[in-house]
Amino acid sequence: MKPSNRQIWLGAIAIAVLILLTIIAAPSNSKINSGSTYGLAPDGYGAWYAFMQDRGITIQRWQKPFDELKKEKRPVTLLQIYSQLNHPVLLSQEREWVEAGHTLVVLGVRQQVTAANFSTMQNSSFGDVKIETRRRLTSISESDQEKISLGDRFGAVVWEERRGKGKIIFSTTPYLAANAYQDYPSNFQYLASLVNQKNNLLFVDEYIHGYKDPEVRKSEGKGDLFGYLAKTPLLPAFIQVCILLFVLIWAQNRRFGKPVALETPELDNSEAYIQALAGVLHKAQSTDFLVEMIGKQEQLQLQKNLGLGSEILDRQTLVNTWQQQIGTATAELDAVLQQSQKLRMSERELISWLGKWQTLRRMKNNA
């Protein structure tokens, strides 16, 4: 059996809605990986990281919060390559860490745009370094606290600031030695000279790019599947489930496929016979047969409960035994037994009579 046109349209609408929700709820393109040593794109630093390892320089990726750097006993040089330009302002913990004798190298700080050409070759001790930015530090102090490492007449591209026992090196371009400059070895050598300092541990900050060590993820509740799901936005999934439920309800909860035939239930012959006989007696208004049969069965059941055997006894014997064992409602029992001898009853009388038998059974069970 082929699905109907209505089912096809419902399925197409559901699929289209899911695709639309997926596009809307999907995360937008992010540049957080720009500047990462894991990145192989032109704005990544994977080639420079391999260059440092090939030269035998001990360099490690730092994938922990900044506070964890305080646990290192030796002086540290930390290279931070931001994916977007930031103002050269340090947090209090970063400033204290530098003043304690460490070195912080920050690539990608925001400065004003000058009249310099976008692409220039800057002179360095390693040869010409290619710089592609018009941003320069123009307010250069003549004090010894600032030192220009790379720049031209428009201002500084790379400069150094002393802070206590340590120092900070800023760069207006985050792409100083990105993968796009593999044909310019001077760029790679120049950045290597900035960060490679004797007796200092050298780290590249990957935590700012979203990379975290397993123990860090575990401490943040992201070490397992349940932790991940607990922090995952559930709104897109909830909306999709609601749309699916709406479509199912609209389609009367039918599957898009061939109908499944229902199994025919097996008939109970005894029950069918009883129901058929009851229908015939009700239509013929033959209450005498019902009164006779039900009356005998109710009396026999009552006699067994009173310990009088299975032979039908006279009414007075049954009433006297009831009086001895139960002690109450003797008149009710006598009335029911007398009414049982009246074979012809209306439907209302028959229902009332059956109710009285039920009451007597409850009284005997509760006695």
Protein backbone atom coordinates (compact mmCIF):
# COMPACT_ATOMS: atom_id res chain seq x y z
CA MET A 1 0.00 0.00 0.00
CA LYS A 2 1.49 3.31 -1.09
CA PRO A 3 1.47 6.23 1.36
CA SER A 4 -1.17 8.85 0.67
CA ASN A 5 -0.39 12.34 -0.60
CA ARG A 6 -1.27 13.72 2.83
CA GLN A 7 1.32 11.54 4.53
CA ILE A 8 3.96 12.52 1.97
CA TRP A 9 3.27 16.21 2.51
CA LEU A 10 3.39 15.80 6.30
CA GLY A 11 6.72 14.01 6.08
CA ALA A 12 8.17 16.66 3.78
CA ILE A 13 7.01 19.47 6.11
CA ALA A 14 8.52 17.74 9.15
CA ILE A 15 11.88 17.24 7.41
CA ALA A 16 11.94 20.86 6.19
CA VAL A 17 11.19 22.18 9.68
CA LEU A 18 13.95 20.05 11.22
CA ILE A 19 16.47 21.23 8.64
CA LEU A 20 15.48 24.86 9.25
CA LEU A 21 15.78 24.47 13.03
CA THR A 22 19.16 22.79 12.66
CA ILE A 23 20.44 25.68 10.53
CA ILE A 24 19.11 28.29 12.97
CA ALA A 25 20.26 26.53 16.14
CA ALA A 26 23.65 25.45 14.79
CA PRO A 27 26.58 27.41 16.21
CA SER A 28 27.82 30.15 13.94
CA ASN A 29 31.29 30.07 12.49
CA SER A 30 33.75 30.96 15.23
CA LYS A 31 37.32 32.23 14.97
CA ILE A 32 38.25 30.86 18.38
CA ASN A 33 40.68 28.43 16.72
CA SER A 34 42.46 31.26 14.92
CA GLY A 35 46.00 31.50 16.31
CA SER A 36 45.98 27.99 17.79
CA THR A 37 48.97 25.69 17.35
CA TYR A 38 46.43 22.97 16.53
CA GLY A 39 45.16 25.01 13.59
CA LEU A 40 46.25 24.10 10.06
CA ALA A 41 44.41 26.97 8.40
CA PRO A 42 46.36 30.04 7.19
CA ASP A 43 45.63 31.84 10.48
CA GLY A 44 46.78 28.88 12.61
CA TYR A 45 50.20 28.34 14.18
CA GLY A 46 50.67 24.61 13.60
CA ALA A 47 53.64 25.14 11.24
CA TRP A 48 55.46 27.46 13.67
CA TYR A 49 54.94 24.98 16.54
CA ALA A 50 56.46 22.21 14.41
CA PHE A 51 59.30 24.61 13.49
CA MET A 52 60.09 25.10 17.19
CA GLN A 53 60.10 21.37 17.86
CA ASP A 54 62.36 20.69 14.86
CA ARG A 55 64.89 23.15 16.29
CA GLY A 56 64.94 21.19 19.56
CA ILE A 57 63.28 23.96 21.59
CA THR A 58 61.24 22.66 24.51
CA ILE A 59 57.75 24.09 24.02
CA GLN A 60 54.48 22.91 25.51
CA ARG A 61 50.82 23.67 25.03
CA TRP A 62 49.19 25.21 28.11
CA GLN A 63 45.60 23.97 28.49
CA LYS A 64 44.76 25.09 32.02
CA PRO A 65 43.41 28.29 33.59
CA PHE A 66 45.87 31.15 34.03
CA ASP A 67 45.90 30.72 37.83
CA GLU A 68 47.57 27.32 37.46
CA LEU A 69 50.75 29.05 36.20
CA LYS A 70 51.47 30.17 39.75
CA LYS A 71 52.28 26.57 40.67
CA GLU A 72 55.30 26.50 38.32
CA LYS A 73 58.55 26.89 40.27
CA ARG A 74 60.72 28.09 37.36
CA PRO A 75 60.29 31.35 35.41
CA VAL A 76 57.75 30.96 32.61
CA THR A 77 57.32 32.54 29.19
CA LEU A 78 53.68 32.36 28.09
CA LEU A 79 52.73 33.05 24.46
CA GLN A 80 49.15 34.15 23.94
CA ILE A 81 47.89 34.44 20.34
CA TYR A 82 44.43 35.95 20.37
CA SER A 83 41.86 35.14 17.71
CA GLN A 84 40.66 38.75 17.75
CA LEU A 85 42.28 42.04 18.69
CA ASN A 86 42.24 42.92 22.38
CA HIS A 87 43.23 46.06 24.21
CA PRO A 88 46.68 45.80 25.88
CA VAL A 89 45.21 45.79 29.39
CA LEU A 90 46.20 43.14 31.92
CA LEU A 91 44.06 41.70 34.65
CA SER A 92 45.32 42.04 38.20
CA GLN A 93 46.36 38.38 38.39
CA GLU A 94 48.25 38.65 35.09
CA ARG A 95 50.02 41.82 36.21
CA GLU A 96 51.08 40.26 39.52
CA TRP A 97 52.30 37.15 37.72
CA VAL A 98 54.48 39.20 35.33
CA GLU A 99 55.86 41.38 38.12
CA ALA A 100 56.98 38.22 39.92
CA GLY A 101 59.56 37.64 37.14
CA HIS A 102 57.72 35.94 34.29
CA THR A 103 57.35 36.91 30.62
CA LEU A 104 54.07 37.34 28.76
CA VAL A 105 54.02 37.58 24.96
CA VAL A 106 50.69 38.78 23.53
CA LEU A 107 50.05 38.73 19.78
CA GLY A 108 47.01 40.69 18.60
CA VAL A 109 46.53 43.89 20.61
CA ARG A 110 44.32 46.71 19.40
CA GLN A 111 46.02 49.97 18.43
CA GLN A 112 44.98 52.83 16.18
CA VAL A 113 45.10 52.53 12.40
CA THR A 114 47.81 54.68 10.78
CA ALA A 115 48.67 55.78 7.26
CA ALA A 116 51.19 52.94 6.90
CA ASN A 117 50.84 50.47 4.05
CA PHE A 118 48.90 47.36 4.96
CA SER A 119 51.72 45.04 3.84
CA THR A 120 55.27 46.02 4.81
CA MET A 121 58.64 44.37 5.36
CA GLN A 122 60.12 45.28 8.74
CA ASN A 123 63.87 45.03 9.38
CA SER A 124 65.08 42.65 12.10
CA SER A 125 68.28 40.85 13.05
CA PHE A 126 66.89 37.74 11.30
CA GLY A 127 66.06 39.51 8.06
CA ASP A 128 62.93 41.19 6.77
CA VAL A 129 59.75 40.26 8.64
CA LYS A 130 56.51 40.54 6.70
CA ILE A 131 53.82 42.51 8.54
CA GLU A 132 50.26 42.90 7.24
CA THR A 133 48.49 45.51 9.35
CA ARG A 134 48.19 49.29 9.47
CA ARG A 135 47.88 49.32 13.23
CA ARG A 136 50.80 50.86 15.16
CA LEU A 137 51.57 51.98 18.69
CA THR A 138 52.10 55.72 18.16
CA SER A 139 52.25 57.03 21.74
CA ILE A 140 55.78 55.83 22.49
CA SER A 141 57.29 56.96 25.78
CA GLU A 142 60.95 57.82 25.95
CA SER A 143 61.34 56.11 29.33
CA ASP A 144 63.24 52.88 29.71
CA GLN A 145 59.97 51.04 30.42
CA GLU A 146 59.18 50.74 26.74
CA LYS A 147 61.34 49.33 23.99
CA ILE A 148 60.46 49.00 20.30
CA SER A 149 61.40 45.61 18.91
CA LEU A 150 59.82 45.99 15.46
CA GLY A 151 58.41 49.10 13.83
CA ASP A 152 58.77 51.94 11.37
CA ARG A 153 58.23 55.70 11.20
CA PHE A 154 54.49 55.23 11.76
CA GLY A 155 54.99 53.52 15.12
CA ALA A 156 55.74 50.22 16.80
CA VAL A 157 54.46 46.85 15.64
CA VAL A 158 56.17 44.85 18.39
CA TRP A 159 57.31 46.45 21.63
CA GLU A 160 58.36 45.46 25.13
CA GLU A 161 57.28 46.80 28.51
CA ARG A 162 59.03 46.08 31.80
CA ARG A 163 56.80 45.22 34.75
CA GLY A 164 58.60 44.60 38.03
CA LYS A 165 60.96 41.65 37.60
CA GLY A 166 59.24 40.51 34.40
CA LYS A 167 58.21 41.92 31.06
CA ILE A 168 55.41 41.95 28.52
CA ILE A 169 55.85 41.83 24.74
CA PHE A 170 52.97 43.13 22.62
CA SER A 171 52.30 42.76 18.90
CA THR A 172 49.64 44.59 16.92
CA THR A 173 49.31 41.67 14.52
CA PRO A 174 48.14 38.22 15.64
CA TYR A 175 49.58 36.69 12.45
CA LEU A 176 53.27 37.33 13.15
CA ALA A 177 54.26 33.72 12.37
CA ALA A 178 50.99 32.19 11.17
CA ASN A 179 50.83 29.31 8.71
CA ALA A 180 50.31 31.79 5.89
CA TYR A 181 53.94 33.00 6.31
CA GLN A 182 55.73 29.68 5.89
CA ASP A 183 57.51 31.16 2.86
CA TYR A 184 58.97 33.86 5.13
CA PRO A 185 61.37 32.04 7.51
CA SER A 186 62.34 35.37 9.08
CA ASN A 187 58.87 35.60 10.62
CA PHE A 188 59.24 32.19 12.28
CA GLN A 189 62.77 32.95 13.51
CA TYR A 190 61.79 36.36 14.83
CA LEU A 191 58.91 34.99 16.95
CA ALA A 192 61.17 32.19 18.17
CA SER A 193 63.67 34.78 19.40
CA LEU A 194 60.94 36.67 21.28
CA VAL A 195 59.71 33.67 23.27
CA ASN A 196 62.84 31.53 23.62
CA GLN A 197 64.53 32.79 26.77
CA LYS A 198 67.20 30.97 28.70
CA ASN A 199 66.06 29.02 31.79
CA ASN A 200 62.40 29.87 31.14
CA LEU A 201 59.68 27.30 30.62
CA LEU A 202 57.95 28.00 27.32
CA PHE A 203 54.17 27.56 27.04
CA VAL A 204 51.69 28.41 24.29
CA ASP A 205 48.29 29.28 25.74
CA GLU A 206 45.72 26.96 24.16
CA TYR A 207 43.23 27.42 26.98
CA ILE A 208 42.08 30.70 25.40
CA HIS A 209 41.25 28.69 22.26
CA GLY A 210 39.01 26.28 24.15
CA TYR A 211 41.46 23.41 24.64
CA LYS A 212 41.49 21.91 28.13
CA ASP A 213 43.37 19.09 29.85
CA PRO A 214 41.26 16.08 30.95
CA GLU A 215 41.51 16.98 34.64
CA VAL A 216 40.31 20.51 33.87
CA ARG A 217 37.31 19.23 31.92
CA LYS A 218 36.50 16.84 34.75
CA SER A 219 36.65 19.60 37.36
CA GLU A 220 34.29 21.69 35.20
CA GLY A 221 31.79 18.82 34.89
CA LYS A 222 32.65 18.03 31.26
CA GLY A 223 34.65 14.87 31.78
CA ASP A 224 31.90 12.45 30.76
CA LEU A 225 28.81 12.24 28.58
CA PHE A 226 26.39 13.13 31.37
CA GLY A 227 28.36 16.27 32.24
CA TYR A 228 28.38 17.29 28.59
CA LEU A 229 24.64 16.75 28.23
CA ALA A 230 23.98 18.64 31.47
CA LYS A 231 25.64 21.74 29.98
CA THR A 232 24.26 21.35 26.46
CA PRO A 233 21.48 23.77 25.47
CA LEU A 234 18.26 21.76 25.37
CA LEU A 235 16.05 24.37 23.71
CA PRO A 236 16.76 23.28 20.08
CA ALA A 237 16.14 19.63 20.97
CA PHE A 238 12.97 20.53 22.86
CA ILE A 239 11.64 22.52 19.89
CA GLN A 240 12.35 19.64 17.51
CA VAL A 241 10.56 17.16 19.78
CA CYS A 242 7.54 19.48 19.97
CA ILE A 243 7.44 19.75 16.18
CA LEU A 244 7.59 15.97 15.81
CA LEU A 245 4.81 15.49 18.37
CA PHE A 246 2.67 18.06 16.57
CA VAL A 247 3.16 16.28 13.24
CA LEU A 248 2.35 12.90 14.80
CA ILE A 249 -0.82 14.25 16.39
CA TRP A 250 -1.81 15.94 13.12
CA ALA A 251 -1.32 12.65 11.30
CA GLN A 252 -3.44 10.86 13.93
CA ASN A 253 -0.31 9.13 15.17
CA ARG A 254 -0.10 6.90 12.08
CA ARG A 255 3.15 5.52 10.80
CA PHE A 256 4.25 6.36 7.29
CA GLY A 257 3.91 2.81 6.00
CA LYS A 258 1.53 -0.07 5.42
CA PRO A 259 -1.26 -0.47 7.99
CA VAL A 260 -0.84 -3.33 10.45
CA ALA A 261 -3.86 -5.62 10.70
CA LEU A 262 -5.22 -6.11 14.22
CA GLU A 263 -5.38 -9.65 15.56
CA THR A 264 -8.88 -11.02 16.19
CA PRO A 265 -9.28 -11.65 19.93
CA GLU A 266 -10.14 -15.19 20.97
CA LEU A 267 -13.71 -15.67 22.20
CA ASP A 268 -14.54 -17.25 25.55
CA ASN A 269 -17.33 -19.70 24.69
CA SER A 270 -18.69 -19.82 28.24
CA GLU A 271 -18.82 -16.06 28.52
CA ALA A 272 -20.37 -15.76 25.07
CA TYR A 273 -23.03 -18.35 26.04
CA ILE A 274 -23.86 -16.53 29.27
CA GLN A 275 -24.15 -13.19 27.54
CA ALA A 276 -26.34 -14.64 24.81
CA LEU A 277 -28.62 -16.37 27.35
CA ALA A 278 -28.86 -13.19 29.39
CA GLY A 279 -29.86 -11.26 26.30
CA VAL A 280 -32.60 -13.76 25.47
CA LEU A 281 -33.97 -13.80 29.04
CA HIS A 282 -33.92 -10.03 29.25
CA LYS A 283 -35.77 -9.69 25.98
CA ALA A 284 -38.37 -12.31 27.06
CA GLN A 285 -38.60 -10.77 30.55
CA SER A 286 -38.13 -14.26 32.06
CA THR A 287 -37.09 -13.24 35.59
CA ASP A 288 -38.45 -16.44 37.12
CA PHE A 289 -35.55 -18.50 35.75
CA LEU A 290 -33.01 -16.01 37.07
CA VAL A 291 -34.62 -15.80 40.51
CA GLU A 292 -34.78 -19.57 40.82
CA MET A 293 -31.19 -20.23 39.74
CA ILE A 294 -29.57 -17.29 41.50
CA GLY A 295 -31.66 -17.80 44.66
CA LYS A 296 -30.55 -21.42 44.98
CA GLN A 297 -26.87 -20.58 44.39
CA GLU A 298 -26.91 -17.69 46.86
CA GLN A 299 -28.61 -19.84 49.53
CA LEU A 300 -26.16 -22.74 49.01
CA GLN A 301 -23.21 -20.36 49.26
CA LEU A 302 -24.64 -18.87 52.44
CA GLN A 303 -25.24 -22.33 53.96
CA LYS A 304 -21.63 -23.32 53.23
CA ASN A 305 -20.39 -20.14 54.92
CA LEU A 306 -22.54 -21.00 57.96
CA GLY A 307 -21.33 -24.61 57.96
CA LEU A 308 -24.74 -26.14 57.06
CA GLY A 309 -23.64 -28.33 54.15
CA SER A 310 -24.69 -28.32 50.51
CA GLU A 311 -28.31 -29.48 50.81
CA ILE A 312 -31.05 -26.88 50.49
CA LEU A 313 -32.58 -26.29 53.98
CA ASP A 314 -35.85 -24.74 54.94
CA ARG A 315 -36.03 -21.01 55.51
CA GLN A 316 -36.52 -21.14 59.31
CA THR A 317 -33.48 -23.38 59.91
CA LEU A 318 -31.30 -21.01 57.92
CA VAL A 319 -32.67 -17.96 59.77
CA ASN A 320 -32.12 -19.56 63.20
CA THR A 321 -28.51 -20.47 62.34
CA TRP A 322 -27.89 -16.95 61.10
CA GLN A 323 -29.30 -15.61 64.40
CA GLN A 324 -26.92 -17.82 66.39
CA GLN A 325 -23.77 -17.00 64.40
CA ILE A 326 -24.31 -13.43 63.22
CA GLY A 327 -26.92 -12.09 65.62
CA THR A 328 -27.98 -9.15 63.44
CA ALA A 329 -29.98 -8.52 60.26
CA THR A 330 -32.05 -11.63 60.79
CA ALA A 331 -35.14 -9.87 59.47
CA GLU A 332 -33.25 -8.87 56.32
CA LEU A 333 -32.28 -12.50 55.66
CA ASP A 334 -35.81 -13.70 56.25
CA ALA A 335 -37.13 -11.07 53.82
CA VAL A 336 -34.65 -12.06 51.12
CA LEU A 337 -35.50 -15.75 51.47
CA GLN A 338 -39.21 -15.00 51.28
CA GLN A 339 -38.66 -12.80 48.23
CA SER A 340 -36.73 -15.69 46.59
CA GLN A 341 -39.95 -17.70 46.53
CA LYS A 342 -41.56 -14.95 44.45
CA LEU A 343 -40.45 -16.02 41.00
CA ARG A 344 -41.93 -13.11 39.06
CA MET A 345 -40.12 -9.83 39.65
CA SER A 346 -39.82 -6.58 37.82
CA GLU A 347 -36.40 -5.42 36.70
CA ARG A 348 -36.23 -2.93 39.58
CA GLU A 349 -37.21 -5.60 42.14
CA LEU A 350 -34.64 -8.00 40.70
CA ILE A 351 -31.83 -5.44 41.05
CA SER A 352 -32.90 -4.63 44.62
CA TRP A 353 -33.04 -8.34 45.50
CA LEU A 354 -29.52 -8.96 44.14
CA GLY A 355 -28.26 -5.99 46.14
CA LYS A 356 -29.67 -7.44 49.35
CA TRP A 357 -27.87 -10.76 48.73
CA GLN A 358 -24.64 -8.84 48.21
CA THR A 359 -25.14 -6.98 51.51
CA LEU A 360 -25.72 -10.23 53.40
CA ARG A 361 -22.53 -11.74 51.95
CA ARG A 362 -20.53 -8.67 53.11
CA MET A 363 -22.03 -8.95 56.61
CA LYS A 364 -21.07 -12.64 56.85
CA ASN A 365 -17.51 -11.98 55.65
CA ASN A 366 -17.08 -9.15 58.17
CA ALA A 367 -18.55 -11.11 61.07
